[in-house]
Amino acid sequence: MTELRNEQRKAKINLRLGQTIADTVRDPRVILDSDMRIVTASRNFVLMFGDSAEDVVGKRLEDLKQGQWDVAALHALLDHVVPDDRPFDDFLLEDEFPLLGHRIFKLYARKIQVPGNLGTQLLLVFEDATKETLFDRHRNVLAAELAHRIKNSLQVISSFVSYELRRAADPCVEGYRAMQARISAVAELYDVIAKSSAFGPVEIETYPGGHRVEHSLKSSWCEFRH
């Protein structure tokens, strides 16, 4: 009995220590038991998602406030963290929160073992990623708009080349055509970029103008050598 009491006392001390550390961390965090009820919650979590600790501790995550955490995909991930030792990172949840407004949170979950406690629990951390996520979305929209405008400008230049091509002397015709092919190919490239959601590398096999550019460059190189 004495040994059991000592273990329980150590567990309480460790719990208080963990709570103190959690309260100093900016990102809200909670510890959930096997029934997905909140055992402890950091000070910032209580301030963001509850009126007091009593409104949070002992409740299920999905029952807090207006049910923003009642998401099937989130529950499916949480169900596997402890029994299957399957942590997860960067789960995005976007919603309207009371007093906070529109927010986007990244969630991270890990299995933890509390000393002196025979049960295994789950640590869930919430990172406010609203500014970062909205900035990325806005940047992508601006990048797509810029690519679209550049494509339109290149098409205007290509039209000028077409006008000159109709008046050009025979020795200059091939040069104008090669120039126009390169401009059109670059315009198509910007069109592909504008329609892309990832704004990453463009595969030459799937880029329509890529082969024209390659052929045009080879022709120019041959003309230069001769």
Protein backbone atom coordinates (compact mmCIF):
# COMPACT_ATOMS: atom_id res chain seq x y z
CA MET A 1 0.00 0.00 0.00
CA THR A 2 2.85 2.36 0.86
CA GLU A 3 4.48 1.71 -2.51
CA LEU A 4 1.17 2.29 -4.30
CA ARG A 5 0.65 5.58 -2.48
CA ASN A 6 4.17 6.68 -3.39
CA GLU A 7 3.48 5.89 -7.03
CA GLN A 8 0.22 7.83 -6.90
CA ARG A 9 1.97 10.76 -5.25
CA LYS A 10 4.66 10.74 -7.94
CA ALA A 11 1.99 10.60 -10.60
CA LYS A 12 0.27 13.69 -9.16
CA ILE A 13 3.57 15.55 -8.97
CA ASN A 14 4.39 14.66 -12.56
CA LEU A 15 0.91 15.68 -13.65
CA ARG A 16 1.26 19.09 -11.98
CA LEU A 17 4.70 19.50 -13.49
CA GLY A 18 3.38 18.61 -16.94
CA GLN A 19 0.48 21.03 -16.51
CA THR A 20 2.86 23.83 -15.51
CA ILE A 21 5.05 23.21 -18.56
CA ALA A 22 2.02 23.01 -20.86
CA ASP A 23 0.71 26.33 -19.52
CA THR A 24 3.91 28.09 -20.57
CA VAL A 25 3.71 26.85 -24.19
CA ARG A 26 1.96 29.07 -26.73
CA ASP A 27 0.23 26.32 -28.72
CA PRO A 28 -2.89 24.92 -27.00
CA ARG A 29 -2.68 21.26 -26.01
CA VAL A 30 -4.75 18.64 -24.22
CA ILE A 31 -4.27 15.11 -22.92
CA LEU A 32 -7.05 12.64 -23.74
CA ASP A 33 -7.83 9.36 -22.01
CA SER A 34 -8.87 6.10 -23.69
CA ASP A 35 -12.47 7.39 -23.96
CA MET A 36 -11.26 10.53 -25.75
CA ARG A 37 -12.16 12.67 -22.75
CA ILE A 38 -9.91 15.58 -21.81
CA VAL A 39 -7.80 14.76 -18.74
CA THR A 40 -5.82 18.00 -18.68
CA ALA A 41 -5.83 21.11 -20.85
CA SER A 42 -3.26 23.87 -21.17
CA ARG A 43 -4.13 27.39 -20.12
CA ASN A 44 -4.16 28.62 -23.72
CA PHE A 45 -6.51 25.82 -24.76
CA VAL A 46 -8.97 26.81 -22.03
CA LEU A 47 -8.75 30.49 -23.03
CA MET A 48 -9.40 29.71 -26.70
CA PHE A 49 -12.00 26.97 -26.54
CA GLY A 50 -13.63 27.10 -23.10
CA ASP A 51 -14.84 29.54 -20.49
CA SER A 52 -12.99 27.78 -17.65
CA ALA A 53 -11.11 24.55 -16.94
CA GLU A 54 -14.34 23.05 -15.59
CA ASP A 55 -15.94 23.55 -19.02
CA VAL A 56 -13.18 21.55 -20.66
CA VAL A 57 -11.79 18.84 -18.38
CA GLY A 58 -13.80 15.64 -18.45
CA LYS A 59 -15.52 16.45 -21.73
CA ARG A 60 -15.04 14.90 -25.12
CA LEU A 61 -13.31 17.02 -27.71
CA GLU A 62 -16.32 17.02 -30.03
CA ASP A 63 -18.61 18.35 -27.27
CA LEU A 64 -16.70 21.60 -26.78
CA LYS A 65 -18.32 24.91 -27.72
CA GLN A 66 -20.24 24.54 -30.99
CA GLY A 67 -18.82 21.19 -32.10
CA GLN A 68 -16.03 22.41 -34.37
CA TRP A 69 -13.93 19.38 -33.42
CA ASP A 70 -16.73 16.93 -34.24
CA VAL A 71 -15.10 15.82 -37.49
CA ALA A 72 -15.22 12.21 -38.68
CA ALA A 73 -11.78 12.34 -40.31
CA LEU A 74 -10.22 13.61 -37.08
CA HIS A 75 -11.92 10.92 -34.98
CA ALA A 76 -10.70 8.24 -37.36
CA LEU A 77 -7.10 9.40 -36.88
CA LEU A 78 -7.40 9.76 -33.10
CA ASP A 79 -8.79 6.24 -32.75
CA HIS A 80 -5.52 4.77 -34.04
CA VAL A 81 -2.99 6.92 -32.16
CA VAL A 82 -2.84 4.93 -28.91
CA PRO A 83 -3.87 1.35 -29.82
CA ASP A 84 -1.84 1.23 -33.05
CA ASP A 85 0.87 3.72 -32.01
CA ARG A 86 0.06 5.75 -35.11
CA PRO A 87 0.82 9.46 -34.54
CA PHE A 88 -0.21 12.10 -37.03
CA ASP A 89 0.92 15.60 -38.00
CA ASP A 90 -0.51 18.61 -39.83
CA PHE A 91 -4.18 17.64 -39.77
CA LEU A 92 -5.92 20.81 -41.00
CA LEU A 93 -9.23 21.89 -39.54
CA GLU A 94 -10.91 25.10 -40.71
CA ASP A 95 -14.02 26.58 -39.13
CA GLU A 96 -15.62 29.53 -37.38
CA PHE A 97 -14.84 29.61 -33.65
CA PRO A 98 -16.67 31.60 -30.97
CA LEU A 99 -14.69 34.72 -29.99
CA LEU A 100 -11.90 33.75 -32.41
CA GLY A 101 -13.65 34.04 -35.75
CA HIS A 102 -12.39 32.17 -38.82
CA ARG A 103 -9.44 29.98 -37.88
CA ILE A 104 -7.35 27.22 -39.43
CA PHE A 105 -5.64 24.84 -37.01
CA LYS A 106 -2.98 22.19 -37.56
CA LEU A 107 -3.32 19.25 -35.20
CA TYR A 108 -0.56 16.92 -33.99
CA ALA A 109 -1.16 13.77 -31.93
CA ARG A 110 1.19 11.47 -29.99
CA LYS A 111 0.81 8.54 -27.60
CA ILE A 112 2.28 9.24 -24.17
CA GLN A 113 2.88 7.21 -21.02
CA VAL A 114 2.51 9.12 -17.76
CA PRO A 115 4.88 7.85 -15.00
CA GLY A 116 2.97 6.28 -12.15
CA ASN A 117 -0.07 5.79 -14.35
CA LEU A 118 -0.79 2.36 -15.80
CA GLY A 119 -2.88 3.83 -18.61
CA THR A 120 -1.60 5.21 -21.91
CA GLN A 121 -2.88 8.60 -22.94
CA LEU A 122 -2.91 10.83 -25.98
CA LEU A 123 -1.31 14.25 -26.35
CA LEU A 124 -3.03 16.52 -28.85
CA VAL A 125 -1.44 19.83 -29.87
CA PHE A 126 -3.20 22.65 -31.75
CA GLU A 127 -1.22 25.11 -33.89
CA ASP A 128 -2.97 28.19 -35.23
CA ALA A 129 -1.97 28.13 -38.91
CA THR A 130 -4.51 30.69 -40.11
CA LYS A 131 -2.11 33.38 -41.30
CA GLU A 132 0.30 30.92 -42.86
CA THR A 133 -2.40 29.00 -44.75
CA LEU A 134 -4.25 32.08 -45.99
CA PHE A 135 -0.97 33.65 -47.09
CA ASP A 136 -0.13 30.55 -49.13
CA ARG A 137 -3.57 30.58 -50.75
CA HIS A 138 -3.33 34.29 -51.56
CA ARG A 139 0.18 33.84 -52.94
CA ASN A 140 -0.98 31.04 -55.23
CA VAL A 141 -3.86 33.16 -56.54
CA LEU A 142 -1.49 36.06 -57.23
CA ALA A 143 1.02 33.76 -58.93
CA ALA A 144 -1.70 32.34 -61.17
CA GLU A 145 -2.93 35.84 -62.04
CA LEU A 146 0.62 36.99 -62.83
CA ALA A 147 1.24 33.95 -65.05
CA HIS A 148 -2.03 34.62 -66.87
CA ARG A 149 -1.11 38.27 -67.50
CA ILE A 150 2.36 37.32 -68.77
CA LYS A 151 0.77 34.80 -71.15
CA ASN A 152 -1.54 37.49 -72.52
CA SER A 153 1.38 39.90 -72.98
CA LEU A 154 3.36 37.26 -74.86
CA GLN A 155 0.38 36.63 -77.13
CA VAL A 156 0.28 40.34 -77.96
CA ILE A 157 4.00 40.23 -78.82
CA SER A 158 3.36 37.16 -80.95
CA SER A 159 0.70 39.16 -82.84
CA PHE A 160 3.26 41.91 -83.53
CA VAL A 161 5.65 39.28 -84.88
CA SER A 162 2.86 37.95 -87.14
CA TYR A 163 2.32 41.45 -88.49
CA GLU A 164 6.03 41.82 -89.27
CA LEU A 165 6.10 38.33 -90.76
CA ARG A 166 3.58 39.32 -93.46
CA ARG A 167 5.85 42.16 -94.55
CA ALA A 168 9.20 40.44 -94.12
CA ALA A 169 11.55 39.60 -96.97
CA ASP A 170 12.05 35.91 -97.75
CA PRO A 171 15.44 35.58 -95.99
CA CYS A 172 13.86 36.82 -92.74
CA VAL A 173 10.69 34.70 -92.80
CA GLU A 174 12.18 31.62 -91.12
CA GLY A 175 13.73 33.73 -88.41
CA TYR A 176 10.42 35.42 -87.63
CA ARG A 177 8.64 32.07 -87.58
CA ALA A 178 11.21 30.61 -85.19
CA MET A 179 10.85 33.67 -82.96
CA GLN A 180 7.06 33.35 -82.99
CA ALA A 181 7.25 29.63 -82.14
CA ARG A 182 9.42 30.36 -79.10
CA ILE A 183 7.15 33.16 -77.90
CA SER A 184 4.06 30.94 -78.30
CA ALA A 185 5.76 28.07 -76.48
CA VAL A 186 6.65 30.30 -73.52
CA ALA A 187 3.08 31.68 -73.50
CA GLU A 188 1.75 28.10 -73.32
CA LEU A 189 4.14 27.42 -70.45
CA TYR A 190 2.72 30.34 -68.47
CA ASP A 191 -0.76 29.10 -69.28
CA VAL A 192 0.13 25.71 -67.78
CA ILE A 193 1.57 27.44 -64.70
CA ALA A 194 -1.55 29.59 -64.29
CA LYS A 195 -3.78 26.52 -64.32
CA SER A 196 -1.54 24.53 -61.97
CA SER A 197 -2.47 24.28 -58.29
CA ALA A 198 1.02 23.24 -57.20
CA PHE A 199 3.13 25.74 -59.18
CA GLY A 200 5.88 23.16 -59.34
CA PRO A 201 8.04 21.82 -62.18
CA VAL A 202 6.32 21.25 -65.52
CA GLU A 203 7.02 17.88 -67.15
CA ILE A 204 8.29 18.33 -70.72
CA GLU A 205 6.19 15.33 -71.85
CA THR A 206 2.95 16.99 -70.77
CA TYR A 207 3.87 20.51 -71.81
CA PRO A 208 2.56 21.10 -75.39
CA GLY A 209 5.06 23.79 -76.30
CA GLY A 210 8.08 22.01 -74.93
CA HIS A 211 8.83 20.05 -78.09
CA ARG A 212 8.45 23.18 -80.22
CA VAL A 213 10.98 25.02 -78.08
CA GLU A 214 13.35 22.08 -78.24
CA HIS A 215 13.00 21.82 -82.04
CA SER A 216 13.35 25.59 -82.44
CA LEU A 217 16.50 25.70 -80.35
CA LYS A 218 18.03 22.82 -82.32
CA SER A 219 17.22 24.61 -85.59
CA SER A 220 18.77 27.82 -84.33
CA TRP A 221 21.90 25.96 -83.26
CA CYS A 222 22.22 24.35 -86.70
CA GLU A 223 21.80 27.74 -88.38
CA PHE A 224 24.44 29.23 -86.09
CA ARG A 225 26.93 26.46 -86.88
CA HIS A 226 26.44 26.90 -90.64
